[in-house]
């Protein structure tokens, strides 16, 4: 105990005396509701196949699957009570401020592209390139090879993305093509192909991966939700699973920026809304 009066100590610390005399009570235990076992069973059905999902995405899938309207705080509470909550990720911060805005208000205004590696258990390495729409996050095209990607394969990726969004004919808008400064994206042949396909290449500043943050987020999602739980025994096994991973990402995986809808579900919602507004 200090020999100084409590009042003097409180004045020095800028606190009230009632706070000094208050006894700590500890945190109350989470409350429980009668329907919690049902909610827990629904959560288990979702995370049985998607163990990497946190409470936000679990909430979206539970509500979508069972037609419920649970609050995400309720799902988080039940997951904590049942020992199903994932630990909070320890994210490393570089201190670099990112003030750019990658997302676009409408589809087919900007696409972003990048590639990543998957190390197989037998020592092989699969290189995967992809293209995303910066509005609805749909993966328009993906390409995997058991070797470093070359400029010709980036050209094929461009053509596949254009065909996926504009299959009808040559009349199409100019779409921005966002990538980093690697030679496969900045080569003269790549720029020529981009111009032929009505793509306008734009590159990120040097040493600034945050400027293509949507692609970086997609890479993290693929590693966490698909690669880490998949069969990576060989390059052939990874390449065989790749189409199913992309289909699941486009059709099922909820995205926080899309109201926890999948990219294709978000597209259908927007189409219905457009038809309703025009009626």
C-alpha atoms as a PDB file:
ATOM      1  CA  UNK A   1       0.000   0.000   0.000  1.00  0.00           C
ATOM      2  CA  UNK A   2       1.146   3.542  -0.720  1.00  0.00           C
ATOM      3  CA  UNK A   3       1.550   5.947   2.235  1.00  0.00           C
ATOM      4  CA  UNK A   4      -0.041   8.735   0.165  1.00  0.00           C
ATOM      5  CA  UNK A   5      -3.762   9.526   0.463  1.00  0.00           C
ATOM      6  CA  UNK A   6      -6.018   7.904  -2.118  1.00  0.00           C
ATOM      7  CA  UNK A   7      -7.437  11.309  -3.052  1.00  0.00           C
ATOM      8  CA  UNK A   8      -3.982  12.659  -3.910  1.00  0.00           C
ATOM      9  CA  UNK A   9      -3.164   9.593  -5.988  1.00  0.00           C
ATOM     10  CA  UNK A  10      -6.460   9.886  -7.880  1.00  0.00           C
ATOM     11  CA  UNK A  11      -5.870  13.591  -8.599  1.00  0.00           C
ATOM     12  CA  UNK A  12      -2.391  12.793  -9.926  1.00  0.00           C
ATOM     13  CA  UNK A  13      -3.699  10.015 -12.147  1.00  0.00           C
ATOM     14  CA  UNK A  14      -6.764  11.995 -13.249  1.00  0.00           C
ATOM     15  CA  UNK A  15      -9.256   9.373 -12.091  1.00  0.00           C
ATOM     16  CA  UNK A  16     -12.183   9.352  -9.706  1.00  0.00           C
ATOM     17  CA  UNK A  17     -11.970   7.849  -6.226  1.00  0.00           C
ATOM     18  CA  UNK A  18     -14.929   5.584  -6.927  1.00  0.00           C
ATOM     19  CA  UNK A  19     -12.853   3.910  -9.619  1.00  0.00           C
ATOM     20  CA  UNK A  20     -10.016   3.305  -7.156  1.00  0.00           C
ATOM     21  CA  UNK A  21     -12.369   1.663  -4.637  1.00  0.00           C
ATOM     22  CA  UNK A  22     -14.220  -0.412  -7.218  1.00  0.00           C
ATOM     23  CA  UNK A  23     -13.519  -4.115  -7.057  1.00  0.00           C
ATOM     24  CA  UNK A  24     -12.844  -6.054 -10.217  1.00  0.00           C
ATOM     25  CA  UNK A  25     -15.665  -8.436 -11.015  1.00  0.00           C
ATOM     26  CA  UNK A  26     -14.245 -10.225 -14.024  1.00  0.00           C
ATOM     27  CA  UNK A  27     -16.025 -10.774 -17.274  1.00  0.00           C
ATOM     28  CA  UNK A  28     -19.436 -12.409 -17.255  1.00  0.00           C
ATOM     29  CA  UNK A  29     -19.782 -15.767 -18.986  1.00  0.00           C
ATOM     30  CA  UNK A  30     -21.436 -15.697 -22.433  1.00  0.00           C
ATOM     31  CA  UNK A  31     -25.170 -16.207 -22.248  1.00  0.00           C
ATOM     32  CA  UNK A  32     -26.807 -19.237 -23.854  1.00  0.00           C
ATOM     33  CA  UNK A  33     -30.098 -19.583 -25.676  1.00  0.00           C
ATOM     34  CA  UNK A  34     -32.384 -22.564 -26.052  1.00  0.00           C
ATOM     35  CA  UNK A  35     -31.823 -22.816 -29.806  1.00  0.00           C
ATOM     36  CA  UNK A  36     -28.008 -22.726 -29.570  1.00  0.00           C
ATOM     37  CA  UNK A  37     -27.619 -26.520 -30.148  1.00  0.00           C
ATOM     38  CA  UNK A  38     -29.491 -26.179 -33.449  1.00  0.00           C
ATOM     39  CA  UNK A  39     -27.315 -23.260 -34.491  1.00  0.00           C
ATOM     40  CA  UNK A  40     -24.189 -25.191 -33.503  1.00  0.00           C
ATOM     41  CA  UNK A  41     -25.270 -28.153 -35.638  1.00  0.00           C
ATOM     42  CA  UNK A  42     -25.809 -25.866 -38.626  1.00  0.00           C
ATOM     43  CA  UNK A  43     -22.391 -24.303 -38.087  1.00  0.00           C
ATOM     44  CA  UNK A  44     -20.755 -27.736 -37.957  1.00  0.00           C
ATOM     45  CA  UNK A  45     -22.357 -28.715 -41.261  1.00  0.00           C
ATOM     46  CA  UNK A  46     -20.780 -25.666 -42.880  1.00  0.00           C
ATOM     47  CA  UNK A  47     -17.304 -25.799 -41.361  1.00  0.00           C
ATOM     48  CA  UNK A  48     -16.993 -29.556 -41.881  1.00  0.00           C
ATOM     49  CA  UNK A  49     -15.983 -28.701 -45.451  1.00  0.00           C
ATOM     50  CA  UNK A  50     -14.741 -25.159 -44.793  1.00  0.00           C
ATOM     51  CA  UNK A  51     -12.639 -25.256 -41.668  1.00  0.00           C
ATOM     52  CA  UNK A  52     -10.685 -22.147 -42.687  1.00  0.00           C
ATOM     53  CA  UNK A  53     -13.775 -19.898 -42.521  1.00  0.00           C
ATOM     54  CA  UNK A  54     -14.188 -17.378 -39.710  1.00  0.00           C
ATOM     55  CA  UNK A  55     -17.482 -16.375 -38.128  1.00  0.00           C
ATOM     56  CA  UNK A  56     -18.321 -13.746 -40.753  1.00  0.00           C
ATOM     57  CA  UNK A  57     -18.205 -16.086 -43.712  1.00  0.00           C
ATOM     58  CA  UNK A  58     -19.769 -18.886 -41.695  1.00  0.00           C
ATOM     59  CA  UNK A  59     -22.682 -16.542 -40.982  1.00  0.00           C
ATOM     60  CA  UNK A  60     -23.151 -15.888 -44.684  1.00  0.00           C
ATOM     61  CA  UNK A  61     -23.103 -19.575 -45.610  1.00  0.00           C
ATOM     62  CA  UNK A  62     -25.363 -20.676 -42.720  1.00  0.00           C
ATOM     63  CA  UNK A  63     -27.963 -18.056 -43.619  1.00  0.00           C
ATOM     64  CA  UNK A  64     -27.726 -18.957 -47.310  1.00  0.00           C
ATOM     65  CA  UNK A  65     -27.913 -22.718 -46.762  1.00  0.00           C
ATOM     66  CA  UNK A  66     -30.649 -22.876 -44.129  1.00  0.00           C
ATOM     67  CA  UNK A  67     -32.645 -19.735 -44.999  1.00  0.00           C
ATOM     68  CA  UNK A  68     -31.988 -18.197 -41.575  1.00  0.00           C
ATOM     69  CA  UNK A  69     -31.197 -14.620 -40.595  1.00  0.00           C
ATOM     70  CA  UNK A  70     -28.693 -15.036 -37.807  1.00  0.00           C
ATOM     71  CA  UNK A  71     -26.650 -12.086 -36.644  1.00  0.00           C
ATOM     72  CA  UNK A  72     -22.899 -12.604 -37.058  1.00  0.00           C
ATOM     73  CA  UNK A  73     -22.430 -11.868 -33.342  1.00  0.00           C
ATOM     74  CA  UNK A  74     -24.652 -14.817 -32.509  1.00  0.00           C
ATOM     75  CA  UNK A  75     -22.653 -17.109 -34.786  1.00  0.00           C
ATOM     76  CA  UNK A  76     -19.431 -15.895 -33.203  1.00  0.00           C
ATOM     77  CA  UNK A  77     -20.786 -16.511 -29.687  1.00  0.00           C
ATOM     78  CA  UNK A  78     -21.920 -20.047 -30.513  1.00  0.00           C
ATOM     79  CA  UNK A  79     -18.634 -20.857 -32.227  1.00  0.00           C
ATOM     80  CA  UNK A  80     -16.736 -19.659 -29.159  1.00  0.00           C
ATOM     81  CA  UNK A  81     -18.940 -21.719 -26.822  1.00  0.00           C
ATOM     82  CA  UNK A  82     -18.467 -24.841 -28.948  1.00  0.00           C
ATOM     83  CA  UNK A  83     -14.725 -24.334 -29.431  1.00  0.00           C
ATOM     84  CA  UNK A  84     -15.133 -23.818 -33.173  1.00  0.00           C
ATOM     85  CA  UNK A  85     -13.752 -20.286 -33.451  1.00  0.00           C
ATOM     86  CA  UNK A  86     -10.529 -19.767 -35.368  1.00  0.00           C
ATOM     87  CA  UNK A  87      -7.670 -17.858 -33.717  1.00  0.00           C
ATOM     88  CA  UNK A  88      -7.251 -14.275 -34.754  1.00  0.00           C
ATOM     89  CA  UNK A  89      -4.654 -13.964 -37.539  1.00  0.00           C
ATOM     90  CA  UNK A  90      -1.403 -12.251 -36.666  1.00  0.00           C
ATOM     91  CA  UNK A  91      -1.212  -9.862 -39.585  1.00  0.00           C
ATOM     92  CA  UNK A  92       2.068  -8.197 -40.322  1.00  0.00           C
ATOM     93  CA  UNK A  93       1.873  -4.510 -41.107  1.00  0.00           C
ATOM     94  CA  UNK A  94       4.487  -2.901 -43.315  1.00  0.00           C
ATOM     95  CA  UNK A  95       3.577   0.664 -42.420  1.00  0.00           C
ATOM     96  CA  UNK A  96       3.074   1.577 -46.076  1.00  0.00           C
ATOM     97  CA  UNK A  97      -0.143   3.540 -46.529  1.00  0.00           C
ATOM     98  CA  UNK A  98      -2.399   2.401 -49.354  1.00  0.00           C
ATOM     99  CA  UNK A  99      -4.555   5.255 -50.587  1.00  0.00           C
ATOM    100  CA  UNK A 100      -5.472   3.894 -54.004  1.00  0.00           C
ATOM    101  CA  UNK A 101      -8.872   2.467 -54.829  1.00  0.00           C
ATOM    102  CA  UNK A 102      -8.753  -0.732 -56.820  1.00  0.00           C
ATOM    103  CA  UNK A 103     -12.449  -1.603 -56.860  1.00  0.00           C
ATOM    104  CA  UNK A 104     -14.615  -0.211 -59.670  1.00  0.00           C
ATOM    105  CA  UNK A 105     -18.300   0.662 -59.536  1.00  0.00           C
ATOM    106  CA  UNK A 106     -19.260  -1.397 -62.577  1.00  0.00           C
ATOM    107  CA  UNK A 107     -18.138  -4.646 -64.154  1.00  0.00           C
ATOM    108  CA  UNK A 108     -15.656  -4.740 -67.046  1.00  0.00           C
ATOM    109  CA  UNK A 109     -14.058  -1.426 -66.175  1.00  0.00           C
ATOM    110  CA  UNK A 110     -10.848  -2.867 -64.702  1.00  0.00           C
ATOM    111  CA  UNK A 111      -9.407  -6.344 -64.458  1.00  0.00           C
ATOM    112  CA  UNK A 112      -6.423  -7.297 -62.329  1.00  0.00           C
ATOM    113  CA  UNK A 113      -3.974 -10.118 -62.883  1.00  0.00           C
ATOM    114  CA  UNK A 114      -1.141 -11.787 -61.016  1.00  0.00           C
ATOM    115  CA  UNK A 115       0.317 -15.240 -60.408  1.00  0.00           C
ATOM    116  CA  UNK A 116       1.458 -17.351 -57.469  1.00  0.00           C
ATOM    117  CA  UNK A 117       3.259 -20.602 -56.772  1.00  0.00           C
ATOM    118  CA  UNK A 118       2.104 -23.833 -55.131  1.00  0.00           C
ATOM    119  CA  UNK A 119       4.890 -26.021 -53.755  1.00  0.00           C
ATOM    120  CA  UNK A 120       4.006 -29.715 -54.074  1.00  0.00           C
ATOM    121  CA  UNK A 121       5.018 -32.416 -51.610  1.00  0.00           C
ATOM    122  CA  UNK A 122       7.211 -34.156 -54.171  1.00  0.00           C
ATOM    123  CA  UNK A 123       9.251 -31.019 -54.844  1.00  0.00           C
ATOM    124  CA  UNK A 124       7.410 -29.834 -57.965  1.00  0.00           C
ATOM    125  CA  UNK A 125       6.151 -26.259 -58.191  1.00  0.00           C
ATOM    126  CA  UNK A 126       2.930 -25.188 -59.942  1.00  0.00           C
ATOM    127  CA  UNK A 127       2.701 -21.620 -61.227  1.00  0.00           C
ATOM    128  CA  UNK A 128      -0.878 -20.304 -61.407  1.00  0.00           C
ATOM    129  CA  UNK A 129      -1.934 -17.128 -63.224  1.00  0.00           C
ATOM    130  CA  UNK A 130      -5.382 -15.579 -62.926  1.00  0.00           C
ATOM    131  CA  UNK A 131      -7.581 -12.644 -63.913  1.00  0.00           C
ATOM    132  CA  UNK A 132     -10.185 -10.997 -61.656  1.00  0.00           C
ATOM    133  CA  UNK A 133     -12.853  -8.399 -62.329  1.00  0.00           C
ATOM    134  CA  UNK A 134     -12.274  -5.483 -59.957  1.00  0.00           C
ATOM    135  CA  UNK A 135     -16.011  -4.993 -59.417  1.00  0.00           C
ATOM    136  CA  UNK A 136     -17.554  -8.392 -58.659  1.00  0.00           C
ATOM    137  CA  UNK A 137     -14.304 -10.311 -57.873  1.00  0.00           C
ATOM    138  CA  UNK A 138     -15.140 -13.100 -60.318  1.00  0.00           C
ATOM    139  CA  UNK A 139     -12.155 -15.109 -61.482  1.00  0.00           C
ATOM    140  CA  UNK A 140     -12.521 -14.748 -65.248  1.00  0.00           C
ATOM    141  CA  UNK A 141      -9.655 -16.997 -66.270  1.00  0.00           C
ATOM    142  CA  UNK A 142      -7.011 -19.161 -64.631  1.00  0.00           C
ATOM    143  CA  UNK A 143      -4.022 -20.999 -65.990  1.00  0.00           C
ATOM    144  CA  UNK A 144      -1.626 -23.408 -64.264  1.00  0.00           C
ATOM    145  CA  UNK A 145       1.713 -24.726 -65.452  1.00  0.00           C
ATOM    146  CA  UNK A 146       4.440 -26.864 -63.814  1.00  0.00           C
ATOM    147  CA  UNK A 147       7.002 -24.235 -64.865  1.00  0.00           C
ATOM    148  CA  UNK A 148       7.470 -20.469 -64.798  1.00  0.00           C
ATOM    149  CA  UNK A 149       4.772 -18.627 -66.694  1.00  0.00           C
ATOM    150  CA  UNK A 150       5.872 -17.081 -69.955  1.00  0.00           C
ATOM    151  CA  UNK A 151       4.554 -14.063 -71.840  1.00  0.00           C
ATOM    152  CA  UNK A 152       2.729 -16.321 -74.320  1.00  0.00           C
ATOM    153  CA  UNK A 153       0.777 -17.876 -71.471  1.00  0.00           C
ATOM    154  CA  UNK A 154      -0.205 -14.444 -70.161  1.00  0.00           C
ATOM    155  CA  UNK A 155      -1.491 -13.732 -73.666  1.00  0.00           C
ATOM    156  CA  UNK A 156      -3.620 -16.883 -73.473  1.00  0.00           C
ATOM    157  CA  UNK A 157      -4.889 -15.737 -70.083  1.00  0.00           C
ATOM    158  CA  UNK A 158      -5.904 -12.386 -71.599  1.00  0.00           C
ATOM    159  CA  UNK A 159      -7.764 -14.055 -74.448  1.00  0.00           C
ATOM    160  CA  UNK A 160      -9.563 -16.423 -72.087  1.00  0.00           C
ATOM    161  CA  UNK A 161     -10.737 -13.516 -69.896  1.00  0.00           C
ATOM    162  CA  UNK A 162     -11.984 -11.547 -72.905  1.00  0.00           C
ATOM    163  CA  UNK A 163     -13.827 -14.591 -74.246  1.00  0.00           C
ATOM    164  CA  UNK A 164     -15.425 -15.211 -70.845  1.00  0.00           C
ATOM    165  CA  UNK A 165     -16.892 -11.712 -70.633  1.00  0.00           C
ATOM    166  CA  UNK A 166     -17.358 -10.780 -74.322  1.00  0.00           C
ATOM    167  CA  UNK A 167     -18.132 -13.974 -76.267  1.00  0.00           C
ATOM    168  CA  UNK A 168     -20.616 -12.433 -78.722  1.00  0.00           C
ATOM    169  CA  UNK A 169     -18.485 -10.285 -81.008  1.00  0.00           C
ATOM    170  CA  UNK A 170     -15.677  -7.775 -81.468  1.00  0.00           C
ATOM    171  CA  UNK A 171     -17.628  -4.741 -80.166  1.00  0.00           C
ATOM    172  CA  UNK A 172     -16.530  -4.313 -76.574  1.00  0.00           C
ATOM    173  CA  UNK A 173     -15.343  -1.542 -74.258  1.00  0.00           C
ATOM    174  CA  UNK A 174     -11.739  -0.831 -73.378  1.00  0.00           C
ATOM    175  CA  UNK A 175     -10.930  -2.506 -70.057  1.00  0.00           C
ATOM    176  CA  UNK A 176      -8.048  -1.520 -67.804  1.00  0.00           C
ATOM    177  CA  UNK A 177      -5.570  -4.346 -67.195  1.00  0.00           C
ATOM    178  CA  UNK A 178      -3.899  -3.969 -63.784  1.00  0.00           C
ATOM    179  CA  UNK A 179      -0.723  -5.934 -63.062  1.00  0.00           C
ATOM    180  CA  UNK A 180       2.701  -5.566 -61.505  1.00  0.00           C
ATOM    181  CA  UNK A 181       5.898  -4.724 -63.375  1.00  0.00           C
ATOM    182  CA  UNK A 182       7.116  -8.230 -64.202  1.00  0.00           C
ATOM    183  CA  UNK A 183       8.537  -8.728 -67.675  1.00  0.00           C
ATOM    184  CA  UNK A 184       5.750 -11.131 -68.685  1.00  0.00           C
ATOM    185  CA  UNK A 185       3.291  -8.235 -68.249  1.00  0.00           C
ATOM    186  CA  UNK A 186       5.430  -5.383 -69.584  1.00  0.00           C
ATOM    187  CA  UNK A 187       6.928  -7.139 -72.630  1.00  0.00           C
ATOM    188  CA  UNK A 188       6.255  -5.473 -75.976  1.00  0.00           C
ATOM    189  CA  UNK A 189       4.432  -8.557 -77.260  1.00  0.00           C
ATOM    190  CA  UNK A 190       2.111  -8.432 -74.238  1.00  0.00           C
ATOM    191  CA  UNK A 191       1.321  -4.765 -74.855  1.00  0.00           C
ATOM    192  CA  UNK A 192       0.537  -5.500 -78.503  1.00  0.00           C
ATOM    193  CA  UNK A 193      -1.812  -8.359 -77.599  1.00  0.00           C
ATOM    194  CA  UNK A 194      -3.500  -6.173 -74.970  1.00  0.00           C
ATOM    195  CA  UNK A 195      -4.149  -3.460 -77.545  1.00  0.00           C
ATOM    196  CA  UNK A 196      -5.616  -6.000 -79.960  1.00  0.00           C
ATOM    197  CA  UNK A 197      -7.956  -7.236 -77.210  1.00  0.00           C
ATOM    198  CA  UNK A 198      -9.049  -3.705 -76.190  1.00  0.00           C
ATOM    199  CA  UNK A 199      -7.162  -3.888 -72.902  1.00  0.00           C
ATOM    200  CA  UNK A 200      -5.364  -0.876 -71.453  1.00  0.00           C
ATOM    201  CA  UNK A 201      -2.378  -2.071 -69.381  1.00  0.00           C
ATOM    202  CA  UNK A 202      -1.633  -0.214 -66.148  1.00  0.00           C
ATOM    203  CA  UNK A 203       1.098  -1.294 -63.739  1.00  0.00           C
ATOM    204  CA  UNK A 204       1.626  -0.805 -60.033  1.00  0.00           C
ATOM    205  CA  UNK A 205       4.366   1.430 -58.605  1.00  0.00           C
ATOM    206  CA  UNK A 206       7.659  -0.267 -57.841  1.00  0.00           C
ATOM    207  CA  UNK A 207       7.817  -2.132 -54.513  1.00  0.00           C
ATOM    208  CA  UNK A 208       4.118  -1.535 -53.879  1.00  0.00           C
ATOM    209  CA  UNK A 209       2.176  -4.834 -53.884  1.00  0.00           C
ATOM    210  CA  UNK A 210      -0.666  -3.063 -52.018  1.00  0.00           C
ATOM    211  CA  UNK A 211      -1.516  -1.310 -55.293  1.00  0.00           C
ATOM    212  CA  UNK A 212      -2.757  -4.660 -56.604  1.00  0.00           C
ATOM    213  CA  UNK A 213      -4.323  -5.628 -53.295  1.00  0.00           C
ATOM    214  CA  UNK A 214      -7.306  -7.404 -54.836  1.00  0.00           C
ATOM    215  CA  UNK A 215      -4.984  -9.908 -56.474  1.00  0.00           C
ATOM    216  CA  UNK A 216      -3.025 -10.277 -53.238  1.00  0.00           C
ATOM    217  CA  UNK A 217      -6.262 -11.004 -51.361  1.00  0.00           C
ATOM    218  CA  UNK A 218      -7.225 -13.621 -53.947  1.00  0.00           C
ATOM    219  CA  UNK A 219      -3.866 -15.354 -53.527  1.00  0.00           C
ATOM    220  CA  UNK A 220      -4.354 -15.457 -49.745  1.00  0.00           C
ATOM    221  CA  UNK A 221      -7.856 -16.872 -50.206  1.00  0.00           C
ATOM    222  CA  UNK A 222      -6.652 -19.595 -52.556  1.00  0.00           C
ATOM    223  CA  UNK A 223      -3.838 -20.624 -50.232  1.00  0.00           C
ATOM    224  CA  UNK A 224      -5.949 -20.593 -47.060  1.00  0.00           C
ATOM    225  CA  UNK A 225      -9.217 -22.084 -48.320  1.00  0.00           C
ATOM    226  CA  UNK A 226      -8.113 -24.443 -51.077  1.00  0.00           C
ATOM    227  CA  UNK A 227      -4.401 -25.174 -51.346  1.00  0.00           C
ATOM    228  CA  UNK A 228      -3.815 -25.801 -47.624  1.00  0.00           C
ATOM    229  CA  UNK A 229      -6.585 -28.418 -47.520  1.00  0.00           C
ATOM    230  CA  UNK A 230      -6.048 -29.889 -50.962  1.00  0.00           C
ATOM    231  CA  UNK A 231      -3.998 -32.710 -52.402  1.00  0.00           C
ATOM    232  CA  UNK A 232      -0.602 -31.197 -53.197  1.00  0.00           C
ATOM    233  CA  UNK A 233       1.200 -34.505 -53.701  1.00  0.00           C
ATOM    234  CA  UNK A 234       2.215 -33.590 -57.253  1.00  0.00           C
ATOM    235  CA  UNK A 235       1.817 -30.933 -59.915  1.00  0.00           C
ATOM    236  CA  UNK A 236      -0.682 -33.134 -61.754  1.00  0.00           C
ATOM    237  CA  UNK A 237      -2.834 -33.418 -58.610  1.00  0.00           C
ATOM    238  CA  UNK A 238      -2.870 -29.639 -58.089  1.00  0.00           C
ATOM    239  CA  UNK A 239      -3.716 -28.937 -61.726  1.00  0.00           C
ATOM    240  CA  UNK A 240      -6.547 -31.497 -61.610  1.00  0.00           C
ATOM    241  CA  UNK A 241      -8.119 -29.716 -58.608  1.00  0.00           C
ATOM    242  CA  UNK A 242      -7.654 -26.188 -59.923  1.00  0.00           C
ATOM    243  CA  UNK A 243     -10.912 -25.975 -61.989  1.00  0.00           C
ATOM    244  CA  UNK A 244     -12.977 -27.138 -58.997  1.00  0.00           C
ATOM    245  CA  UNK A 245     -11.266 -24.593 -56.727  1.00  0.00           C
ATOM    246  CA  UNK A 246     -12.062 -21.741 -59.100  1.00  0.00           C
ATOM    247  CA  UNK A 247     -15.649 -22.927 -59.600  1.00  0.00           C
ATOM    248  CA  UNK A 248     -16.171 -23.050 -55.842  1.00  0.00           C
ATOM    249  CA  UNK A 249     -14.650 -19.577 -55.432  1.00  0.00           C
ATOM    250  CA  UNK A 250     -16.965 -18.121 -58.101  1.00  0.00           C
ATOM    251  CA  UNK A 251     -20.158 -19.926 -57.091  1.00  0.00           C
ATOM    252  CA  UNK A 252     -20.010 -20.562 -53.329  1.00  0.00           C
ATOM    253  CA  UNK A 253     -17.317 -18.665 -51.422  1.00  0.00           C
ATOM    254  CA  UNK A 254     -18.799 -15.573 -49.716  1.00  0.00           C
ATOM    255  CA  UNK A 255     -17.005 -12.242 -49.989  1.00  0.00           C
ATOM    256  CA  UNK A 256     -17.344  -9.495 -47.401  1.00  0.00           C
ATOM    257  CA  UNK A 257     -17.235  -6.680 -49.992  1.00  0.00           C
ATOM    258  CA  UNK A 258     -20.172  -8.318 -51.836  1.00  0.00           C
ATOM    259  CA  UNK A 259     -22.406  -8.586 -48.785  1.00  0.00           C
ATOM    260  CA  UNK A 260     -21.088 -12.111 -48.126  1.00  0.00           C
ATOM    261  CA  UNK A 261     -22.325 -13.307 -51.492  1.00  0.00           C
ATOM    262  CA  UNK A 262     -20.258 -15.248 -53.965  1.00  0.00           C
ATOM    263  CA  UNK A 263     -19.253 -13.429 -57.188  1.00  0.00           C
ATOM    264  CA  UNK A 264     -21.835 -15.270 -59.310  1.00  0.00           C
ATOM    265  CA  UNK A 265     -24.542 -14.826 -56.677  1.00  0.00           C
ATOM    266  CA  UNK A 266     -23.738 -11.112 -56.557  1.00  0.00           C
ATOM    267  CA  UNK A 267     -24.048 -10.915 -60.347  1.00  0.00           C
ATOM    268  CA  UNK A 268     -27.482 -12.541 -60.255  1.00  0.00           C
ATOM    269  CA  UNK A 269     -28.596 -10.160 -57.505  1.00  0.00           C
ATOM    270  CA  UNK A 270     -27.461  -7.176 -59.563  1.00  0.00           C
ATOM    271  CA  UNK A 271     -29.282  -8.465 -62.656  1.00  0.00           C
ATOM    272  CA  UNK A 272     -32.534  -8.830 -60.714  1.00  0.00           C
ATOM    273  CA  UNK A 273     -32.119  -5.353 -59.253  1.00  0.00           C
ATOM    274  CA  UNK A 274     -31.471  -3.868 -62.705  1.00  0.00           C
ATOM    275  CA  UNK A 275     -34.561  -5.562 -64.154  1.00  0.00           C
ATOM    276  CA  UNK A 276     -36.654  -4.347 -61.230  1.00  0.00           C
ATOM    277  CA  UNK A 277     -35.414  -0.756 -61.624  1.00  0.00           C
ATOM    278  CA  UNK A 278     -36.082  -0.751 -65.359  1.00  0.00           C
ATOM    279  CA  UNK A 279     -39.605  -2.200 -64.980  1.00  0.00           C
END
